[in-house]
Amino acid sequence: MKIDILTIFPEMFEGFLNTSIIKRAIENKKIEVNLVDFREFSKDKHKKVDDYQFGGGGGMVLMPEPIYLAVESLISKDSKVILMTPQGKTYNQKKAVELKEEKHLIIICGHYEGFDERILDIVDIEISIGDYILTGGEVASMVIVDSVARLIPGVISEESIKSETFNDNLLDYPVYTKPKNFRGKVVPEVLYSGHHENVKKWRDEQRVLKTKEKRPDLLEKS
């Protein structure tokens, strides 16, 4: 999968793209991530990409031309253009699974007060990562890249993906490691019993119980 991220702050991605699983996914050519500074597409001599909004109001607004030109330089028949914005549909695991099937993602990171409404004409989908406001779409775009990349075959183990939180609208089961007894808190005996069928049954039950306790809203969808 190829991912192009349009941003005026590419330096924000340095640690994200050069650490842990994402770094290995790039090195192993499971994903290709390119940072595109759309300021370079500005025709203004000072590389300006924002201006005051018509009608008055606080804050600066991203102008359409630099973003249009940046997208047009990248887009193909296989591209899906995403705009990170609080007004978008709330992101979830189902959407991550859908995006994993795409060949090319172009992610636009908004900034400042907002973006010229005409930018929506070149966008396929608007996505929000939650009902709160960030200073820009960079952090939100990292969420998209991380959640999608880990679903691509070969990035992490298939077993990890099969049994994780939000599959079937249920939370993941509790997990434990050594020591068996930590300050009087003991690992459930079934997990080291060696009886695989009983372990599976316990884990299935725990997923339901944990979801009922922590996210009962998910059970209505399950």
N, C-alpha and C. Protein backbone atom coordinates (compact mmCIF):
# COMPACT_ATOMS: atom_id res chain seq x y z
N MET A 1 0.84 -1.20 0.00
CA MET A 1 0.00 0.00 0.00
C MET A 1 0.87 1.25 0.00
N LYS A 2 0.45 2.24 -0.80
CA LYS A 2 1.13 3.51 -0.83
C LYS A 2 0.28 4.54 -0.10
N ILE A 3 0.92 5.33 0.76
CA ILE A 3 0.23 6.36 1.52
C ILE A 3 0.97 7.68 1.34
N ASP A 4 0.27 8.69 0.81
CA ASP A 4 0.82 10.03 0.71
C ASP A 4 0.12 10.91 1.74
N ILE A 5 0.89 11.62 2.55
CA ILE A 5 0.32 12.48 3.58
C ILE A 5 0.64 13.93 3.23
N LEU A 6 -0.40 14.72 3.02
CA LEU A 6 -0.23 16.13 2.70
C LEU A 6 -0.24 16.95 3.98
N THR A 7 0.85 17.64 4.25
CA THR A 7 1.01 18.36 5.50
C THR A 7 1.96 19.54 5.30
N ILE A 8 1.84 20.55 6.14
CA ILE A 8 2.84 21.64 6.11
C ILE A 8 3.82 21.49 7.27
N PHE A 9 3.69 20.38 8.00
CA PHE A 9 4.62 20.11 9.10
C PHE A 9 5.15 18.68 9.01
N PRO A 10 5.89 18.36 7.96
CA PRO A 10 6.40 16.98 7.80
C PRO A 10 7.31 16.53 8.93
N GLU A 11 7.96 17.48 9.62
CA GLU A 11 8.86 17.11 10.70
C GLU A 11 8.13 16.43 11.86
N MET A 12 6.83 16.61 11.95
CA MET A 12 6.06 15.98 13.03
C MET A 12 6.05 14.46 12.91
N PHE A 13 6.34 13.93 11.73
CA PHE A 13 6.23 12.49 11.47
C PHE A 13 7.54 11.74 11.67
N GLU A 14 8.61 12.45 11.98
CA GLU A 14 9.93 11.82 12.03
C GLU A 14 9.99 10.64 12.99
N GLY A 15 9.58 10.84 14.22
CA GLY A 15 9.61 9.75 15.19
C GLY A 15 8.63 8.65 14.85
N PHE A 16 7.44 9.02 14.41
CA PHE A 16 6.40 8.05 14.09
C PHE A 16 6.83 7.08 13.00
N LEU A 17 7.43 7.59 11.94
CA LEU A 17 7.79 6.75 10.80
C LEU A 17 9.11 6.00 11.00
N ASN A 18 9.85 6.35 12.02
CA ASN A 18 11.16 5.73 12.23
C ASN A 18 11.25 4.94 13.52
N THR A 19 10.11 4.42 13.96
CA THR A 19 10.06 3.69 15.22
C THR A 19 9.19 2.44 15.09
N SER A 20 9.65 1.36 15.70
CA SER A 20 8.82 0.17 15.95
C SER A 20 8.20 -0.43 14.70
N ILE A 21 6.93 -0.81 14.80
CA ILE A 21 6.24 -1.59 13.76
C ILE A 21 6.13 -0.83 12.45
N ILE A 22 5.84 0.47 12.51
CA ILE A 22 5.71 1.25 11.28
C ILE A 22 7.04 1.30 10.54
N LYS A 23 8.11 1.50 11.26
CA LYS A 23 9.44 1.51 10.65
C LYS A 23 9.73 0.19 9.95
N ARG A 24 9.44 -0.93 10.62
CA ARG A 24 9.70 -2.25 10.02
C ARG A 24 8.81 -2.49 8.81
N ALA A 25 7.57 -2.03 8.88
CA ALA A 25 6.65 -2.21 7.75
C ALA A 25 7.16 -1.47 6.52
N ILE A 26 7.74 -0.30 6.73
CA ILE A 26 8.31 0.47 5.62
C ILE A 26 9.57 -0.21 5.09
N GLU A 27 10.44 -0.64 6.00
CA GLU A 27 11.68 -1.30 5.59
C GLU A 27 11.41 -2.59 4.84
N ASN A 28 10.36 -3.31 5.24
CA ASN A 28 10.01 -4.58 4.60
C ASN A 28 9.11 -4.39 3.38
N LYS A 29 8.89 -3.12 3.02
CA LYS A 29 8.11 -2.76 1.82
C LYS A 29 6.67 -3.27 1.87
N LYS A 30 6.13 -3.34 3.07
CA LYS A 30 4.71 -3.65 3.23
C LYS A 30 3.87 -2.40 2.97
N ILE A 31 4.42 -1.25 3.33
CA ILE A 31 3.78 0.02 3.05
C ILE A 31 4.84 1.01 2.55
N GLU A 32 4.39 1.99 1.80
CA GLU A 32 5.25 3.10 1.38
C GLU A 32 4.58 4.38 1.84
N VAL A 33 5.28 5.17 2.65
CA VAL A 33 4.71 6.41 3.17
C VAL A 33 5.54 7.59 2.68
N ASN A 34 4.86 8.53 2.03
CA ASN A 34 5.52 9.73 1.52
C ASN A 34 4.91 10.96 2.17
N LEU A 35 5.75 11.87 2.61
CA LEU A 35 5.29 13.13 3.18
C LEU A 35 5.37 14.21 2.11
N VAL A 36 4.26 14.86 1.87
CA VAL A 36 4.18 15.87 0.82
C VAL A 36 3.85 17.21 1.46
N ASP A 37 4.79 18.13 1.42
CA ASP A 37 4.58 19.47 1.97
C ASP A 37 3.83 20.29 0.93
N PHE A 38 2.53 20.47 1.14
CA PHE A 38 1.75 21.16 0.11
C PHE A 38 2.06 22.65 0.04
N ARG A 39 2.89 23.14 0.97
CA ARG A 39 3.36 24.52 0.86
C ARG A 39 4.19 24.69 -0.43
N GLU A 40 4.83 23.60 -0.85
CA GLU A 40 5.65 23.65 -2.06
C GLU A 40 4.81 23.86 -3.32
N PHE A 41 3.50 23.68 -3.20
CA PHE A 41 2.62 23.85 -4.36
C PHE A 41 1.97 25.22 -4.38
N SER A 42 2.32 26.06 -3.42
CA SER A 42 1.78 27.41 -3.39
C SER A 42 2.44 28.26 -4.47
N LYS A 43 1.65 29.06 -5.16
CA LYS A 43 2.18 29.95 -6.19
C LYS A 43 2.53 31.32 -5.62
N ASP A 44 2.27 31.49 -4.34
CA ASP A 44 2.62 32.74 -3.67
C ASP A 44 4.14 32.78 -3.48
N LYS A 45 4.74 33.94 -3.66
CA LYS A 45 6.20 34.04 -3.56
C LYS A 45 6.72 33.73 -2.16
N HIS A 46 5.83 33.85 -1.16
CA HIS A 46 6.21 33.51 0.21
C HIS A 46 5.73 32.11 0.61
N LYS A 47 5.23 31.36 -0.36
CA LYS A 47 4.72 29.99 -0.14
C LYS A 47 3.57 29.98 0.87
N LYS A 48 2.75 30.98 0.80
CA LYS A 48 1.60 31.10 1.69
C LYS A 48 0.51 30.10 1.29
N VAL A 49 -0.09 29.43 2.26
CA VAL A 49 -1.14 28.45 1.97
C VAL A 49 -2.46 28.77 2.68
N ASP A 50 -2.50 29.86 3.43
CA ASP A 50 -3.71 30.21 4.16
C ASP A 50 -3.99 31.70 4.02
N ASP A 51 -5.24 32.07 4.35
CA ASP A 51 -5.60 33.49 4.28
C ASP A 51 -6.82 33.72 5.16
N TYR A 52 -7.19 35.01 5.31
CA TYR A 52 -8.37 35.34 6.10
C TYR A 52 -9.64 34.85 5.40
N GLN A 53 -10.65 34.54 6.17
CA GLN A 53 -11.89 34.03 5.60
C GLN A 53 -12.81 35.17 5.16
N PHE A 54 -13.50 34.95 4.05
CA PHE A 54 -14.51 35.90 3.60
C PHE A 54 -15.63 35.97 4.63
N GLY A 55 -16.13 37.16 4.85
CA GLY A 55 -17.22 37.33 5.81
C GLY A 55 -16.75 37.64 7.20
N GLY A 56 -15.43 37.60 7.41
CA GLY A 56 -14.90 37.89 8.73
C GLY A 56 -14.89 36.67 9.63
N GLY A 57 -14.19 36.79 10.73
CA GLY A 57 -14.09 35.67 11.66
C GLY A 57 -12.64 35.43 12.05
N GLY A 58 -12.45 34.79 13.17
CA GLY A 58 -11.11 34.55 13.67
C GLY A 58 -10.44 33.39 12.97
N GLY A 59 -9.12 33.46 12.92
CA GLY A 59 -8.34 32.35 12.39
C GLY A 59 -8.16 32.39 10.89
N MET A 60 -7.14 31.67 10.45
CA MET A 60 -6.79 31.60 9.04
C MET A 60 -7.35 30.31 8.43
N VAL A 61 -7.62 30.36 7.14
CA VAL A 61 -8.24 29.23 6.43
C VAL A 61 -7.31 28.75 5.32
N LEU A 62 -7.16 27.44 5.18
CA LEU A 62 -6.33 26.88 4.12
C LEU A 62 -6.95 27.17 2.75
N MET A 63 -6.15 27.68 1.84
CA MET A 63 -6.61 28.00 0.49
C MET A 63 -6.69 26.73 -0.36
N PRO A 64 -7.58 26.71 -1.34
CA PRO A 64 -7.76 25.47 -2.11
C PRO A 64 -6.64 25.14 -3.08
N GLU A 65 -6.04 26.16 -3.73
CA GLU A 65 -5.12 25.87 -4.83
C GLU A 65 -3.93 24.99 -4.46
N PRO A 66 -3.19 25.28 -3.39
CA PRO A 66 -2.04 24.41 -3.08
C PRO A 66 -2.44 22.95 -2.84
N ILE A 67 -3.57 22.76 -2.19
CA ILE A 67 -4.01 21.39 -1.91
C ILE A 67 -4.49 20.71 -3.19
N TYR A 68 -5.24 21.43 -4.01
CA TYR A 68 -5.65 20.87 -5.30
C TYR A 68 -4.45 20.42 -6.12
N LEU A 69 -3.46 21.30 -6.23
CA LEU A 69 -2.28 20.99 -7.04
C LEU A 69 -1.51 19.79 -6.47
N ALA A 70 -1.41 19.72 -5.16
CA ALA A 70 -0.71 18.61 -4.53
C ALA A 70 -1.42 17.29 -4.80
N VAL A 71 -2.74 17.29 -4.61
CA VAL A 71 -3.52 16.07 -4.85
C VAL A 71 -3.44 15.67 -6.32
N GLU A 72 -3.59 16.63 -7.21
CA GLU A 72 -3.56 16.33 -8.64
C GLU A 72 -2.22 15.77 -9.09
N SER A 73 -1.15 16.10 -8.38
CA SER A 73 0.17 15.57 -8.74
C SER A 73 0.34 14.12 -8.30
N LEU A 74 -0.56 13.64 -7.44
CA LEU A 74 -0.42 12.31 -6.85
C LEU A 74 -1.51 11.33 -7.27
N ILE A 75 -2.67 11.84 -7.60
CA ILE A 75 -3.86 11.00 -7.73
C ILE A 75 -3.81 10.09 -8.95
N SER A 76 -4.41 8.91 -8.79
CA SER A 76 -4.55 7.96 -9.89
C SER A 76 -5.90 7.27 -9.72
N LYS A 77 -6.20 6.35 -10.60
CA LYS A 77 -7.49 5.64 -10.51
C LYS A 77 -7.59 4.78 -9.26
N ASP A 78 -6.45 4.49 -8.64
CA ASP A 78 -6.43 3.64 -7.44
C ASP A 78 -6.43 4.44 -6.14
N SER A 79 -6.53 5.76 -6.23
CA SER A 79 -6.38 6.60 -5.04
C SER A 79 -7.69 6.79 -4.28
N LYS A 80 -7.58 6.87 -2.98
CA LYS A 80 -8.68 7.26 -2.09
C LYS A 80 -8.18 8.48 -1.32
N VAL A 81 -8.87 9.61 -1.51
CA VAL A 81 -8.45 10.86 -0.89
C VAL A 81 -9.23 11.07 0.42
N ILE A 82 -8.49 11.23 1.51
CA ILE A 82 -9.07 11.37 2.84
C ILE A 82 -8.74 12.74 3.40
N LEU A 83 -9.73 13.39 3.97
CA LEU A 83 -9.49 14.66 4.66
C LEU A 83 -9.73 14.45 6.15
N MET A 84 -8.72 14.75 6.96
CA MET A 84 -8.85 14.65 8.41
C MET A 84 -9.53 15.93 8.92
N THR A 85 -10.72 15.77 9.49
CA THR A 85 -11.50 16.92 9.93
C THR A 85 -12.48 16.52 11.02
N PRO A 86 -12.74 17.38 12.01
CA PRO A 86 -13.69 17.05 13.08
C PRO A 86 -15.11 16.80 12.57
N GLN A 87 -15.43 17.30 11.37
CA GLN A 87 -16.78 17.12 10.85
C GLN A 87 -16.95 15.80 10.11
N GLY A 88 -15.89 15.00 10.02
CA GLY A 88 -15.97 13.74 9.31
C GLY A 88 -16.64 12.65 10.12
N LYS A 89 -16.84 11.51 9.47
CA LYS A 89 -17.40 10.35 10.16
C LYS A 89 -16.38 9.82 11.17
N THR A 90 -16.88 9.43 12.34
CA THR A 90 -15.98 8.97 13.40
C THR A 90 -15.30 7.67 13.01
N TYR A 91 -14.00 7.64 13.13
CA TYR A 91 -13.18 6.50 12.73
C TYR A 91 -13.37 5.32 13.68
N ASN A 92 -13.34 4.11 13.13
CA ASN A 92 -13.42 2.91 13.96
C ASN A 92 -12.69 1.76 13.26
N GLN A 93 -12.69 0.61 13.91
CA GLN A 93 -11.95 -0.53 13.38
C GLN A 93 -12.52 -1.01 12.05
N LYS A 94 -13.82 -0.92 11.90
CA LYS A 94 -14.45 -1.33 10.64
C LYS A 94 -13.91 -0.51 9.48
N LYS A 95 -13.77 0.79 9.69
CA LYS A 95 -13.25 1.65 8.63
C LYS A 95 -11.77 1.34 8.36
N ALA A 96 -11.01 1.01 9.41
CA ALA A 96 -9.61 0.62 9.22
C ALA A 96 -9.51 -0.61 8.32
N VAL A 97 -10.38 -1.58 8.55
CA VAL A 97 -10.39 -2.80 7.73
C VAL A 97 -10.73 -2.47 6.28
N GLU A 98 -11.67 -1.56 6.09
CA GLU A 98 -12.04 -1.15 4.73
C GLU A 98 -10.87 -0.46 4.02
N LEU A 99 -10.21 0.45 4.72
CA LEU A 99 -9.10 1.19 4.11
C LEU A 99 -7.91 0.29 3.80
N LYS A 100 -7.77 -0.78 4.56
CA LYS A 100 -6.67 -1.72 4.33
C LYS A 100 -6.72 -2.32 2.92
N GLU A 101 -7.89 -2.36 2.32
CA GLU A 101 -8.05 -2.93 0.99
C GLU A 101 -7.68 -1.96 -0.12
N GLU A 102 -7.46 -0.70 0.22
CA GLU A 102 -7.11 0.30 -0.80
C GLU A 102 -5.65 0.15 -1.22
N LYS A 103 -5.36 0.53 -2.45
CA LYS A 103 -3.99 0.48 -2.95
C LYS A 103 -3.22 1.77 -2.65
N HIS A 104 -3.95 2.88 -2.59
CA HIS A 104 -3.28 4.18 -2.45
C HIS A 104 -4.16 5.12 -1.64
N LEU A 105 -3.64 5.60 -0.53
CA LEU A 105 -4.34 6.58 0.29
C LEU A 105 -3.63 7.92 0.19
N ILE A 106 -4.40 8.97 -0.03
CA ILE A 106 -3.89 10.34 0.04
C ILE A 106 -4.59 11.00 1.22
N ILE A 107 -3.83 11.34 2.26
CA ILE A 107 -4.41 11.88 3.48
C ILE A 107 -4.06 13.36 3.60
N ILE A 108 -5.08 14.20 3.67
CA ILE A 108 -4.88 15.64 3.79
C ILE A 108 -5.01 16.05 5.26
N CYS A 109 -3.97 16.69 5.77
CA CYS A 109 -3.99 17.17 7.15
C CYS A 109 -4.41 18.64 7.18
N GLY A 110 -5.59 18.90 7.71
CA GLY A 110 -6.04 20.27 7.85
C GLY A 110 -5.24 20.99 8.93
N HIS A 111 -5.35 22.31 8.96
CA HIS A 111 -4.67 23.08 9.98
C HIS A 111 -5.32 24.45 10.11
N TYR A 112 -4.88 25.20 11.10
CA TYR A 112 -5.40 26.55 11.35
C TYR A 112 -6.91 26.48 11.67
N GLU A 113 -7.66 27.50 11.23
CA GLU A 113 -9.09 27.57 11.57
C GLU A 113 -9.91 26.55 10.79
N GLY A 114 -9.42 26.16 9.65
CA GLY A 114 -10.15 25.20 8.83
C GLY A 114 -9.65 25.24 7.40
N PHE A 115 -10.48 24.78 6.47
CA PHE A 115 -10.10 24.70 5.07
C PHE A 115 -11.21 25.27 4.20
N ASP A 116 -10.83 25.81 3.07
CA ASP A 116 -11.78 26.31 2.10
C ASP A 116 -12.74 25.17 1.71
N GLU A 117 -14.03 25.45 1.74
CA GLU A 117 -15.05 24.42 1.51
C GLU A 117 -14.88 23.73 0.16
N ARG A 118 -14.30 24.40 -0.81
CA ARG A 118 -14.16 23.83 -2.14
C ARG A 118 -13.16 22.68 -2.18
N ILE A 119 -12.36 22.55 -1.14
CA ILE A 119 -11.44 21.42 -1.07
C ILE A 119 -12.21 20.10 -1.00
N LEU A 120 -13.41 20.13 -0.47
CA LEU A 120 -14.22 18.91 -0.36
C LEU A 120 -14.51 18.27 -1.72
N ASP A 121 -14.45 19.06 -2.77
CA ASP A 121 -14.76 18.53 -4.10
C ASP A 121 -13.73 17.53 -4.60
N ILE A 122 -12.55 17.51 -4.00
CA ILE A 122 -11.53 16.53 -4.43
C ILE A 122 -11.30 15.45 -3.36
N VAL A 123 -12.20 15.40 -2.38
CA VAL A 123 -12.07 14.46 -1.26
C VAL A 123 -13.09 13.33 -1.40
N ASP A 124 -12.65 12.10 -1.15
CA ASP A 124 -13.56 10.94 -1.20
C ASP A 124 -14.25 10.70 0.13
N ILE A 125 -13.54 10.97 1.22
CA ILE A 125 -14.10 10.69 2.54
C ILE A 125 -13.49 11.63 3.58
N GLU A 126 -14.34 12.13 4.46
CA GLU A 126 -13.88 12.94 5.59
C GLU A 126 -13.87 12.06 6.83
N ILE A 127 -12.79 12.10 7.59
CA ILE A 127 -12.67 11.24 8.77
C ILE A 127 -12.30 12.07 9.99
N SER A 128 -12.96 11.77 11.10
CA SER A 128 -12.63 12.34 12.41
C SER A 128 -12.22 11.20 13.33
N ILE A 129 -11.24 11.43 14.18
CA ILE A 129 -10.86 10.38 15.14
C ILE A 129 -11.54 10.56 16.48
N GLY A 130 -12.45 11.55 16.58
CA GLY A 130 -13.18 11.74 17.83
C GLY A 130 -13.76 13.13 17.94
N ASP A 131 -14.67 13.29 18.86
CA ASP A 131 -15.35 14.57 19.03
C ASP A 131 -14.56 15.52 19.92
N TYR A 132 -13.42 15.94 19.40
CA TYR A 132 -12.58 16.93 20.07
C TYR A 132 -11.74 17.60 18.99
N ILE A 133 -11.12 18.71 19.34
CA ILE A 133 -10.39 19.49 18.34
C ILE A 133 -8.88 19.40 18.59
N LEU A 134 -8.13 19.14 17.54
CA LEU A 134 -6.68 19.14 17.58
C LEU A 134 -6.16 20.38 16.86
N THR A 135 -4.89 20.68 17.04
CA THR A 135 -4.32 21.85 16.35
C THR A 135 -4.15 21.59 14.86
N GLY A 136 -4.19 20.34 14.46
CA GLY A 136 -4.06 20.00 13.04
C GLY A 136 -4.34 18.53 12.82
N GLY A 137 -4.34 18.13 11.56
CA GLY A 137 -4.69 16.75 11.23
C GLY A 137 -3.52 15.79 11.25
N GLU A 138 -2.32 16.26 11.62
CA GLU A 138 -1.14 15.40 11.57
C GLU A 138 -1.25 14.20 12.53
N VAL A 139 -1.58 14.48 13.78
CA VAL A 139 -1.70 13.39 14.76
C VAL A 139 -2.80 12.42 14.34
N ALA A 140 -3.91 12.97 13.85
CA ALA A 140 -5.02 12.12 13.41
C ALA A 140 -4.61 11.24 12.23
N SER A 141 -3.81 11.78 11.32
CA SER A 141 -3.37 10.99 10.17
C SER A 141 -2.47 9.84 10.61
N MET A 142 -1.69 10.06 11.67
CA MET A 142 -0.85 8.98 12.20
C MET A 142 -1.72 7.84 12.73
N VAL A 143 -2.83 8.19 13.32
CA VAL A 143 -3.77 7.16 13.80
C VAL A 143 -4.25 6.30 12.63
N ILE A 144 -4.60 6.95 11.52
CA ILE A 144 -5.06 6.21 10.34
C ILE A 144 -3.95 5.28 9.83
N VAL A 145 -2.77 5.82 9.66
CA VAL A 145 -1.65 5.03 9.12
C VAL A 145 -1.34 3.84 10.03
N ASP A 146 -1.27 4.07 11.33
CA ASP A 146 -0.94 3.00 12.27
C ASP A 146 -2.00 1.91 12.26
N SER A 147 -3.27 2.31 12.34
CA SER A 147 -4.35 1.31 12.44
C SER A 147 -4.53 0.51 11.17
N VAL A 148 -4.25 1.13 10.01
CA VAL A 148 -4.38 0.43 8.74
C VAL A 148 -3.15 -0.44 8.46
N ALA A 149 -1.97 0.11 8.70
CA ALA A 149 -0.73 -0.61 8.39
C ALA A 149 -0.65 -1.94 9.13
N ARG A 150 -1.06 -1.96 10.39
CA ARG A 150 -0.94 -3.18 11.18
C ARG A 150 -1.85 -4.30 10.68
N LEU A 151 -2.84 -3.95 9.86
CA LEU A 151 -3.75 -4.96 9.31
C LEU A 151 -3.23 -5.59 8.03
N ILE A 152 -2.23 -4.98 7.43
CA ILE A 152 -1.68 -5.49 6.18
C ILE A 152 -0.90 -6.78 6.46
N PRO A 153 -1.17 -7.84 5.71
CA PRO A 153 -0.49 -9.13 5.94
C PRO A 153 1.02 -8.98 6.01
N GLY A 154 1.60 -9.58 7.05
CA GLY A 154 3.05 -9.56 7.21
C GLY A 154 3.57 -8.46 8.10
N VAL A 155 2.71 -7.50 8.48
CA VAL A 155 3.16 -6.42 9.34
C VAL A 155 3.20 -6.88 10.79
N ILE A 156 2.12 -7.50 11.27
CA ILE A 156 2.13 -8.18 12.56
C ILE A 156 1.55 -9.57 12.37
N SER A 157 1.58 -10.40 13.40
CA SER A 157 1.12 -11.77 13.25
C SER A 157 -0.38 -11.83 13.02
N GLU A 158 -0.79 -12.75 12.18
CA GLU A 158 -2.22 -12.93 11.87
C GLU A 158 -3.01 -13.31 13.12
N GLU A 159 -2.40 -14.07 14.02
CA GLU A 159 -3.09 -14.50 15.24
C GLU A 159 -3.44 -13.30 16.11
N SER A 160 -2.56 -12.31 16.16
CA SER A 160 -2.82 -11.11 16.96
C SER A 160 -4.04 -10.37 16.45
N ILE A 161 -4.19 -10.30 15.14
CA ILE A 161 -5.31 -9.57 14.54
C ILE A 161 -6.62 -10.29 14.76
N LYS A 162 -6.60 -11.62 14.68
CA LYS A 162 -7.83 -12.40 14.81
C LYS A 162 -8.50 -12.23 16.16
N SER A 163 -7.72 -12.07 17.22
CA SER A 163 -8.28 -12.14 18.56
C SER A 163 -8.31 -10.80 19.29
N GLU A 164 -8.19 -9.69 18.56
CA GLU A 164 -8.04 -8.43 19.26
C GLU A 164 -9.35 -7.68 19.47
N THR A 165 -9.25 -6.60 20.24
CA THR A 165 -10.38 -5.78 20.59
C THR A 165 -11.13 -5.27 19.36
N PHE A 166 -12.48 -5.26 19.47
CA PHE A 166 -13.43 -4.76 18.47
C PHE A 166 -13.76 -5.76 17.38
N ASN A 167 -13.07 -6.90 17.32
CA ASN A 167 -13.54 -7.94 16.42
C ASN A 167 -14.89 -8.42 16.93
N ASP A 168 -15.88 -8.51 16.07
CA ASP A 168 -17.24 -8.90 16.46
C ASP A 168 -17.85 -7.95 17.47
N ASN A 169 -17.36 -6.70 17.51
CA ASN A 169 -17.87 -5.70 18.45
C ASN A 169 -17.69 -6.12 19.91
N LEU A 170 -16.65 -6.88 20.19
CA LEU A 170 -16.34 -7.28 21.56
C LEU A 170 -14.92 -6.82 21.89
N LEU A 171 -14.69 -6.53 23.15
CA LEU A 171 -13.34 -6.19 23.60
C LEU A 171 -12.49 -7.45 23.68
N ASP A 172 -11.20 -7.27 23.76
CA ASP A 172 -10.28 -8.40 23.84
C ASP A 172 -10.35 -9.04 25.23
N TYR A 173 -9.94 -10.30 25.32
CA TYR A 173 -9.93 -10.99 26.60
C TYR A 173 -8.73 -10.54 27.43
N PRO A 174 -8.77 -10.73 28.76
CA PRO A 174 -7.63 -10.36 29.61
C PRO A 174 -6.41 -11.22 29.28
N VAL A 175 -5.23 -10.62 29.35
CA VAL A 175 -4.00 -11.37 29.10
C VAL A 175 -3.06 -11.22 30.30
N TYR A 176 -2.21 -12.23 30.49
CA TYR A 176 -1.30 -12.27 31.63
C TYR A 176 0.05 -12.80 31.19
N THR A 177 1.09 -12.50 31.95
CA THR A 177 2.41 -13.07 31.72
C THR A 177 3.06 -13.35 33.09
N LYS A 178 4.32 -13.72 33.11
CA LYS A 178 5.00 -14.05 34.37
C LYS A 178 5.16 -12.81 35.25
N PRO A 179 5.14 -13.00 36.59
CA PRO A 179 4.99 -14.25 37.34
C PRO A 179 3.51 -14.65 37.48
N LYS A 180 3.28 -15.90 37.83
CA LYS A 180 1.90 -16.36 38.02
C LYS A 180 1.25 -15.66 39.21
N ASN A 181 2.06 -15.38 40.21
CA ASN A 181 1.54 -14.70 41.41
C ASN A 181 2.30 -13.40 41.60
N PHE A 182 1.63 -12.29 41.41
CA PHE A 182 2.25 -10.99 41.58
C PHE A 182 1.50 -10.23 42.67
N ARG A 183 2.16 -10.12 43.83
CA ARG A 183 1.59 -9.41 44.98
C ARG A 183 0.20 -9.92 45.34
N GLY A 184 0.05 -11.22 45.26
CA GLY A 184 -1.21 -11.85 45.64
C GLY A 184 -2.24 -11.90 44.53
N LYS A 185 -1.92 -11.31 43.40
CA LYS A 185 -2.83 -11.33 42.24
C LYS A 185 -2.39 -12.48 41.34
N VAL A 186 -3.24 -13.49 41.24
CA VAL A 186 -2.87 -14.76 40.62
C VAL A 186 -3.47 -14.90 39.22
N VAL A 187 -2.68 -15.40 38.30
CA VAL A 187 -3.15 -15.69 36.94
C VAL A 187 -4.20 -16.79 36.99
N PRO A 188 -5.33 -16.65 36.28
CA PRO A 188 -6.34 -17.71 36.26
C PRO A 188 -5.73 -19.06 35.87
N GLU A 189 -6.04 -20.08 36.63
CA GLU A 189 -5.42 -21.40 36.46
C GLU A 189 -5.65 -21.98 35.08
N VAL A 190 -6.80 -21.69 34.47
CA VAL A 190 -7.13 -22.27 33.18
C VAL A 190 -6.08 -21.89 32.12
N LEU A 191 -5.41 -20.76 32.27
CA LEU A 191 -4.48 -20.29 31.25
C LEU A 191 -3.18 -21.07 31.22
N TYR A 192 -2.86 -21.76 32.31
CA TYR A 192 -1.66 -22.62 32.28
C TYR A 192 -2.01 -24.08 32.53
N SER A 193 -3.27 -24.43 32.25
CA SER A 193 -3.73 -25.81 32.43
C SER A 193 -3.30 -26.71 31.29
N GLY A 194 -3.00 -26.10 30.13
CA GLY A 194 -2.64 -26.91 28.96
C GLY A 194 -3.84 -27.42 28.20
N HIS A 195 -5.05 -27.09 28.66
CA HIS A 195 -6.28 -27.55 28.01
C HIS A 195 -6.75 -26.44 27.06
N HIS A 196 -6.43 -26.57 25.80
CA HIS A 196 -6.66 -25.50 24.83
C HIS A 196 -8.14 -25.17 24.63
N GLU A 197 -8.98 -26.19 24.68
CA GLU A 197 -10.41 -25.94 24.50
C GLU A 197 -10.98 -25.12 25.65
N ASN A 198 -10.52 -25.44 26.87
CA ASN A 198 -10.98 -24.68 28.04
C ASN A 198 -10.46 -23.25 28.02
N VAL A 199 -9.23 -23.09 27.52
CA VAL A 199 -8.66 -21.74 27.41
C VAL A 199 -9.49 -20.91 26.43
N LYS A 200 -9.84 -21.51 25.30
CA LYS A 200 -10.64 -20.79 24.30
C LYS A 200 -12.01 -20.42 24.87
N LYS A 201 -12.63 -21.36 25.57
CA LYS A 201 -13.95 -21.10 26.15
C LYS A 201 -13.87 -19.97 27.18
N TRP A 202 -12.84 -19.99 28.02
CA TRP A 202 -12.66 -18.94 29.03
C TRP A 202 -12.47 -17.59 28.37
N ARG A 203 -11.65 -17.55 27.34
CA ARG A 203 -11.39 -16.29 26.66
C ARG A 203 -12.65 -15.74 25.99
N ASP A 204 -13.42 -16.62 25.37
CA ASP A 204 -14.67 -16.18 24.74
C ASP A 204 -15.62 -15.59 25.79
N GLU A 205 -15.72 -16.25 26.92
CA GLU A 205 -16.59 -15.76 27.99
C GLU A 205 -16.10 -14.42 28.53
N GLN A 206 -14.78 -14.31 28.68
CA GLN A 206 -14.22 -13.09 29.23
C GLN A 206 -14.41 -11.90 28.30
N ARG A 207 -14.40 -12.15 27.00
CA ARG A 207 -14.64 -11.06 26.05
C ARG A 207 -16.03 -10.46 26.25
N VAL A 208 -17.00 -11.32 26.44
CA VAL A 208 -18.37 -10.85 26.66
C VAL A 208 -18.49 -10.12 27.99
N LEU A 209 -17.92 -10.72 29.06
CA LEU A 209 -18.00 -10.11 30.38
C LEU A 209 -17.29 -8.75 30.42
N LYS A 210 -16.12 -8.68 29.79
CA LYS A 210 -15.36 -7.44 29.78
C LYS A 210 -16.09 -6.34 29.01
N THR A 211 -16.69 -6.73 27.89
CA THR A 211 -17.44 -5.76 27.08
C THR A 211 -18.67 -5.28 27.85
N LYS A 212 -19.34 -6.19 28.55
CA LYS A 212 -20.52 -5.82 29.33
C LYS A 212 -20.15 -4.82 30.42
N GLU A 213 -18.97 -5.00 31.02
CA GLU A 213 -18.53 -4.12 32.10
C GLU A 213 -18.03 -2.77 31.59
N LYS A 214 -17.21 -2.79 30.53
CA LYS A 214 -16.52 -1.57 30.11
C LYS A 214 -17.18 -0.85 28.93
N ARG A 215 -17.80 -1.59 28.01
CA ARG A 215 -18.40 -0.98 26.83
C ARG A 215 -19.72 -1.67 26.49
N PRO A 216 -20.73 -1.56 27.37
CA PRO A 216 -22.01 -2.24 27.11
C PRO A 216 -22.65 -1.79 25.81
N ASP A 217 -22.31 -0.59 25.32
CA ASP A 217 -22.88 -0.10 24.07
C ASP A 217 -22.51 -0.99 22.89
N LEU A 218 -21.33 -1.65 22.97
CA LEU A 218 -20.89 -2.51 21.89
C LEU A 218 -21.72 -3.79 21.80
N LEU A 219 -22.24 -4.25 22.93
CA LEU A 219 -23.01 -5.50 22.94
C LEU A 219 -24.28 -5.37 22.11
N GLU A 220 -24.81 -4.16 22.02
CA GLU A 220 -26.01 -3.95 21.22
C GLU A 220 -25.74 -4.19 19.74
N LYS A 221 -24.48 -4.03 19.32
CA LYS A 221 -24.11 -4.22 17.93
C LYS A 221 -23.61 -5.63 17.67
N SER A 222 -23.31 -6.37 18.74
CA SER A 222 -22.65 -7.66 18.59
C SER A 222 -23.64 -8.76 18.17
